[in-house]
Amino acid sequence: MQVVVTKKLTNFVRFQDIPRLISRPNFRLELHRGVIDAGRKTRTQVQRAVAQQMAVTAGGYRGYVVPNMRGISKPSDLSFTIRGTGKGSPIETYKGLRALSPRGKVAAAMNKGRSGVDKGFVRSGVWNSPRTFKRSFAQGGGFFALVPAKGASGRLPKAFWTYGHKPTQPRDAQGRFGASGHAGFKIRKLYGPALGKELDKDQSLQTFLTFGPAELEVQVTKRIAKLIRY
């Protein structure tokens, strides 16, 4: 009895075509398209992750996170870089925003251990960890902060006024206590963290490391399969 085993070797013979296919200009182009597809999908996942990480509002996601994250592709090295702006966003971008009463119990508790002008009166849920920012205050419907500035001087906002009998605090013509002057601070709008500084940490970084390589393999493999068919 004789057993004969046969095997069609057409696909094995086709391996000799691979170097020729790789040398084609459109081969590298297809690889780069795969990198771009993977990069764009990964960027979307990272955008969602960093928005949760920073605790931005729904409007903040559409108005700050999405337009301030870019994907930059380079055909020369088949790369796709995800970048975020280095500028912080107004504090209104983040969840849990509220102004505290300077005389309230919450402000007293949140400012425990802080002295004088370091107290703050704007609370936010940024980073999913409610905090009251130092030297912050609300005024005229906006949120601001005192920023140390050499040579600056002027009146402190009302939230920082000291109440009670203070010999060094000025009085007006009616004998009422006025605002104390303080040298060394300027006023600017209150901002939260910068998007670009959040991408390489915590939830956003983990999302990139988990989703990115897997998606890159899917997209590039799909492009190669399109070119090399046995």
Protein backbone atom coordinates (compact mmCIF):
# COMPACT_ATOMS: atom_id res chain seq x y z
CA MET A 1 0.00 0.00 0.00
CA GLN A 2 1.33 3.41 -0.95
CA VAL A 3 0.27 6.74 0.61
CA VAL A 4 0.87 9.83 -1.48
CA VAL A 5 0.67 13.30 0.14
CA THR A 6 0.32 16.28 -2.16
CA LYS A 7 0.40 20.01 -1.37
CA LYS A 8 -0.29 22.96 -3.59
CA LEU A 9 2.79 25.19 -3.29
CA THR A 10 1.54 28.22 -5.18
CA ASN A 11 1.43 30.43 -2.08
CA PHE A 12 4.94 29.42 -1.05
CA VAL A 13 6.29 30.32 -4.44
CA ARG A 14 4.70 33.74 -4.17
CA PHE A 15 7.05 34.65 -1.30
CA GLN A 16 9.59 35.51 -3.95
CA ASP A 17 7.33 38.41 -4.95
CA ILE A 18 7.45 40.10 -1.50
CA PRO A 19 10.72 42.05 -2.04
CA ARG A 20 9.33 43.35 -5.30
CA LEU A 21 6.09 44.43 -3.66
CA ILE A 22 7.91 46.16 -0.80
CA SER A 23 9.99 48.15 -3.26
CA ARG A 24 6.90 49.65 -4.84
CA PRO A 25 6.21 53.32 -3.96
CA ASN A 26 2.61 52.57 -3.04
CA PHE A 27 3.69 49.96 -0.46
CA ARG A 28 5.14 52.60 1.87
CA LEU A 29 2.20 54.85 1.11
CA GLU A 30 -0.23 52.16 2.21
CA LEU A 31 1.75 51.58 5.40
CA HIS A 32 1.59 55.27 6.19
CA ARG A 33 -2.16 55.30 5.63
CA GLY A 34 -2.45 52.49 8.12
CA VAL A 35 -0.43 54.48 10.65
CA ILE A 36 -2.69 57.51 10.11
CA ASP A 37 -5.86 55.45 10.55
CA ALA A 38 -4.52 53.96 13.78
CA GLY A 39 -3.33 57.37 15.00
CA ARG A 40 -6.68 59.04 14.43
CA LYS A 41 -8.62 56.29 16.18
CA THR A 42 -6.17 56.35 19.08
CA ARG A 43 -6.39 60.13 19.35
CA THR A 44 -10.17 59.89 19.74
CA GLN A 45 -9.80 57.39 22.57
CA VAL A 46 -7.15 59.53 24.28
CA GLN A 47 -9.35 62.63 23.94
CA ARG A 48 -12.16 60.89 25.80
CA ALA A 49 -9.78 59.56 28.45
CA VAL A 50 -8.07 62.88 29.13
CA ALA A 51 -11.44 64.64 29.35
CA GLN A 52 -12.48 62.23 32.10
CA GLN A 53 -9.10 62.55 33.76
CA MET A 54 -9.29 66.34 33.88
CA ALA A 55 -13.04 66.38 34.69
CA VAL A 56 -14.02 68.77 31.91
CA THR A 57 -17.67 69.51 31.17
CA ALA A 58 -19.43 68.24 28.02
CA GLY A 59 -19.04 71.70 26.53
CA GLY A 60 -15.39 71.74 27.58
CA TYR A 61 -14.77 68.50 25.73
CA ARG A 62 -16.13 69.90 22.47
CA GLY A 63 -14.81 73.42 22.96
CA TYR A 64 -11.38 72.77 24.51
CA VAL A 65 -10.18 69.16 24.33
CA VAL A 66 -11.13 68.25 20.74
CA PRO A 67 -9.94 71.42 18.96
CA ASN A 68 -6.73 71.59 20.99
CA MET A 69 -5.48 68.06 20.32
CA ARG A 70 -3.70 67.49 17.00
CA GLY A 71 -2.44 64.46 15.18
CA ILE A 72 0.73 65.08 13.16
CA SER A 73 1.82 62.40 10.68
CA LYS A 74 5.27 62.09 9.07
CA PRO A 75 5.59 59.86 5.99
CA SER A 76 9.39 59.91 6.28
CA ASP A 77 9.41 57.76 9.43
CA LEU A 78 5.86 56.37 9.30
CA SER A 79 4.91 58.14 12.51
CA PHE A 80 1.82 59.78 14.00
CA THR A 81 2.27 62.14 16.96
CA ILE A 82 -0.58 63.20 19.26
CA ARG A 83 -0.11 66.65 20.80
CA GLY A 84 -2.14 68.91 23.05
CA THR A 85 -1.95 72.64 23.65
CA GLY A 86 0.35 73.88 26.37
CA LYS A 87 -2.12 76.57 27.41
CA GLY A 88 -4.56 76.03 30.24
CA SER A 89 -8.29 76.49 29.83
CA PRO A 90 -10.52 78.93 31.74
CA ILE A 91 -11.78 77.35 34.95
CA GLU A 92 -15.32 77.32 33.52
CA THR A 93 -14.19 74.35 31.39
CA TYR A 94 -14.16 72.03 34.41
CA LYS A 95 -16.91 70.38 36.43
CA GLY A 96 -17.88 71.33 39.98
CA LEU A 97 -17.21 75.06 39.65
CA ARG A 98 -18.61 77.26 42.41
CA ALA A 99 -17.79 80.48 44.22
CA LEU A 100 -17.48 80.31 48.00
CA SER A 101 -18.64 82.94 50.43
CA PRO A 102 -15.56 84.50 52.06
CA ARG A 103 -17.34 84.32 55.42
CA GLY A 104 -18.82 80.85 54.92
CA LYS A 105 -17.97 77.61 56.72
CA VAL A 106 -16.94 75.85 53.50
CA ALA A 107 -14.39 78.55 52.69
CA ALA A 108 -13.05 78.38 56.25
CA ALA A 109 -12.65 74.60 56.01
CA MET A 110 -11.08 74.62 52.54
CA ASN A 111 -8.62 77.34 53.54
CA LYS A 112 -7.58 75.80 56.83
CA GLY A 113 -3.87 76.31 57.30
CA ARG A 114 -3.66 79.04 54.67
CA SER A 115 -2.83 82.50 55.84
CA GLY A 116 -3.66 85.94 54.54
CA VAL A 117 -3.69 86.38 50.82
CA ASP A 118 -3.14 82.65 50.10
CA LYS A 119 -6.77 81.93 50.87
CA GLY A 120 -9.01 81.10 47.91
CA PHE A 121 -12.72 81.34 47.23
CA VAL A 122 -13.25 79.43 43.98
CA ARG A 123 -13.85 75.70 44.19
CA SER A 124 -13.58 73.27 41.26
CA GLY A 125 -13.81 69.53 40.66
CA VAL A 126 -10.84 69.54 38.28
CA TRP A 127 -8.93 66.20 38.20
CA ASN A 128 -12.02 64.67 39.89
CA SER A 129 -10.62 65.93 43.18
CA PRO A 130 -12.52 69.00 44.47
CA ARG A 131 -10.17 71.77 45.51
CA THR A 132 -10.16 75.48 46.30
CA PHE A 133 -7.46 77.32 44.41
CA LYS A 134 -5.10 79.58 46.33
CA ARG A 135 -5.64 83.31 45.86
CA SER A 136 -8.79 82.72 43.78
CA PHE A 137 -11.97 84.79 43.88
CA ALA A 138 -15.18 85.47 41.95
CA GLN A 139 -16.14 88.92 40.81
CA GLY A 140 -18.66 90.27 38.31
CA GLY A 141 -19.62 86.81 37.10
CA GLY A 142 -16.00 85.85 36.36
CA PHE A 143 -13.35 83.83 38.17
CA PHE A 144 -9.91 85.25 38.84
CA ALA A 145 -6.66 84.68 40.69
CA LEU A 146 -3.97 86.83 42.26
CA VAL A 147 -0.61 86.14 40.64
CA PRO A 148 2.68 87.10 42.29
CA ALA A 149 4.30 89.87 40.26
CA LYS A 150 7.38 91.80 41.27
CA GLY A 151 6.73 95.48 41.63
CA ALA A 152 2.95 95.17 41.27
CA SER A 153 0.68 96.88 43.75
CA GLY A 154 -2.95 97.77 44.19
CA ARG A 155 -6.07 97.00 46.14
CA LEU A 156 -6.98 93.47 46.98
CA PRO A 157 -10.41 92.25 45.78
CA LYS A 158 -13.21 92.43 48.32
CA ALA A 159 -12.99 88.69 49.09
CA PHE A 160 -9.60 89.28 50.71
CA TRP A 161 -10.58 92.24 52.85
CA THR A 162 -10.04 91.86 56.58
CA TYR A 163 -13.01 92.59 58.80
CA GLY A 164 -12.92 93.78 62.38
CA HIS A 165 -10.86 96.30 64.33
CA LYS A 166 -7.53 96.45 62.51
CA PRO A 167 -5.47 99.59 63.25
CA THR A 168 -3.56 99.14 59.99
CA GLN A 169 -6.66 98.81 57.81
CA PRO A 170 -7.92 102.11 56.33
CA ARG A 171 -11.40 103.56 57.01
CA ASP A 172 -13.52 105.68 54.72
CA ALA A 173 -15.09 109.05 55.58
CA GLN A 174 -17.97 107.32 57.38
CA GLY A 175 -15.63 105.28 59.55
CA ARG A 176 -16.21 101.99 57.70
CA PHE A 177 -13.30 99.68 57.00
CA GLY A 178 -12.03 99.91 53.44
CA ALA A 179 -10.06 97.51 51.23
CA SER A 180 -6.48 96.83 52.22
CA GLY A 181 -3.74 97.56 49.74
CA HIS A 182 -1.21 94.83 49.01
CA ALA A 183 1.98 94.94 47.01
CA GLY A 184 3.24 92.12 44.81
CA PHE A 185 0.17 90.74 43.01
CA LYS A 186 -1.61 91.14 39.70
CA ILE A 187 -5.07 89.89 38.78
CA ARG A 188 -5.69 87.48 35.91
CA LYS A 189 -8.42 85.06 34.88
CA LEU A 190 -8.38 81.74 36.69
CA TYR A 191 -7.20 78.83 34.52
CA GLY A 192 -7.10 75.09 34.98
CA PRO A 193 -4.41 72.61 33.85
CA ALA A 194 -2.98 72.56 30.33
CA LEU A 195 -4.11 69.72 28.09
CA GLY A 196 -0.60 69.03 26.79
CA LYS A 197 0.69 68.35 30.29
CA GLU A 198 -2.01 65.75 30.95
CA LEU A 199 -1.45 63.45 27.97
CA ASP A 200 1.54 61.53 29.34
CA LYS A 201 0.06 60.61 32.70
CA ASP A 202 -2.66 58.55 34.38
CA GLN A 203 -5.77 57.58 32.41
CA SER A 204 -4.79 59.21 29.11
CA LEU A 205 -1.37 57.52 29.05
CA GLN A 206 -2.82 54.13 29.95
CA THR A 207 -5.41 54.47 27.19
CA PHE A 208 -2.72 55.27 24.66
CA LEU A 209 -0.55 52.31 25.69
CA THR A 210 -3.50 49.91 25.70
CA PHE A 211 -5.35 51.00 22.57
CA GLY A 212 -2.62 52.42 20.34
CA PRO A 213 -0.34 49.41 19.65
CA ALA A 214 -3.28 47.04 19.14
CA GLU A 215 -5.00 49.41 16.70
CA LEU A 216 -1.73 50.02 14.84
CA GLU A 217 -1.35 46.27 14.26
CA VAL A 218 -4.92 46.02 12.97
CA GLN A 219 -4.64 48.93 10.56
CA VAL A 220 -1.17 48.16 9.19
CA THR A 221 -1.93 44.45 8.79
CA LYS A 222 -5.05 45.35 6.85
CA ARG A 223 -3.02 47.52 4.46
CA ILE A 224 -0.36 44.85 3.94
CA ALA A 225 -3.00 42.24 3.24
CA LYS A 226 -4.41 44.52 0.56
CA LEU A 227 -1.06 44.54 -1.26
CA ILE A 228 0.07 40.97 -0.74
CA ARG A 229 -2.50 38.42 -1.71
CA TYR A 230 -1.46 34.86 -2.19
